[in-house]
């Protein structure tokens, strides 16, 4: 698997983790479970950061001359 395809796949993987973590954060918020909210938001932020990095790697590989 080349670098461009791996980065493209990882973007979708990190976004799926992000959606799952944010849904857990919302459930924890409505259930007044603060530990669950903080943990899920932390995972979502890390996932967003990794998806952003993967996007820039994909963009660099896609538009490389």
Protein backbone atom coordinates (compact mmCIF):
# COMPACT_ATOMS: atom_id res chain seq x y z
CA UNK A 1 0.00 0.00 0.00
CA UNK A 2 1.51 3.31 -1.02
CA UNK A 3 1.73 6.36 1.18
CA UNK A 4 -1.16 8.20 -0.47
CA UNK A 5 -3.60 5.29 -0.10
CA UNK A 6 -2.56 4.64 3.52
CA UNK A 7 -3.07 8.29 4.42
CA UNK A 8 -6.46 8.35 2.70
CA UNK A 9 -7.58 5.22 4.56
CA UNK A 10 -6.32 6.56 7.89
CA UNK A 11 -8.32 9.78 7.46
CA UNK A 12 -11.55 7.76 7.36
CA UNK A 13 -10.39 5.55 10.23
CA UNK A 14 -9.62 8.53 12.46
CA UNK A 15 -12.91 10.21 11.57
CA UNK A 16 -14.80 7.03 12.49
CA UNK A 17 -13.01 6.95 15.86
CA UNK A 18 -13.87 10.62 16.28
CA UNK A 19 -17.59 10.05 15.68
CA UNK A 20 -17.64 7.13 18.11
CA UNK A 21 -15.78 9.11 20.79
CA UNK A 22 -18.04 12.14 20.44
CA UNK A 23 -21.15 9.97 20.71
CA UNK A 24 -19.74 8.52 23.93
CA UNK A 25 -19.04 12.04 25.18
CA UNK A 26 -22.64 13.08 24.52
CA UNK A 27 -24.00 10.00 26.28
CA UNK A 28 -21.70 10.65 29.22
CA UNK A 29 -22.78 14.28 29.38
CA UNK A 30 -26.45 13.40 29.55
CA UNK A 31 -25.71 10.70 32.10
CA UNK A 32 -23.67 13.13 34.26
CA UNK A 33 -20.59 10.91 34.03
CA UNK A 34 -17.74 13.43 34.01
CA UNK A 35 -14.93 10.89 33.68
CA UNK A 36 -16.52 9.38 30.61
CA UNK A 37 -16.97 12.82 29.04
CA UNK A 38 -13.36 13.90 29.61
CA UNK A 39 -11.96 10.62 28.34
CA UNK A 40 -14.10 10.62 25.20
CA UNK A 41 -13.33 14.25 24.41
CA UNK A 42 -9.61 13.58 24.83
CA UNK A 43 -9.82 10.66 22.41
CA UNK A 44 -11.81 12.80 19.97
CA UNK A 45 -9.26 15.62 20.08
CA UNK A 46 -6.35 13.23 19.50
CA UNK A 47 -8.26 11.59 16.65
CA UNK A 48 -8.94 14.98 15.08
CA UNK A 49 -5.27 15.90 15.32
CA UNK A 50 -4.21 12.62 13.71
CA UNK A 51 -6.80 12.99 10.93
CA UNK A 52 -5.47 16.49 10.21
CA UNK A 53 -1.90 15.21 10.03
CA UNK A 54 -3.02 12.36 7.74
CA UNK A 55 -4.82 14.87 5.54
CA UNK A 56 -1.68 16.94 5.05
CA UNK A 57 0.34 13.79 4.30
CA UNK A 58 -2.27 12.76 1.73
CA UNK A 59 -2.36 16.25 0.23
CA UNK A 60 1.42 16.32 -0.10
CA UNK A 61 1.45 12.88 -1.77
CA UNK A 62 -1.52 13.69 -4.02
CA UNK A 63 -0.18 16.94 -5.43
CA UNK A 64 3.48 15.97 -5.60
CA UNK A 65 4.97 16.73 -8.98
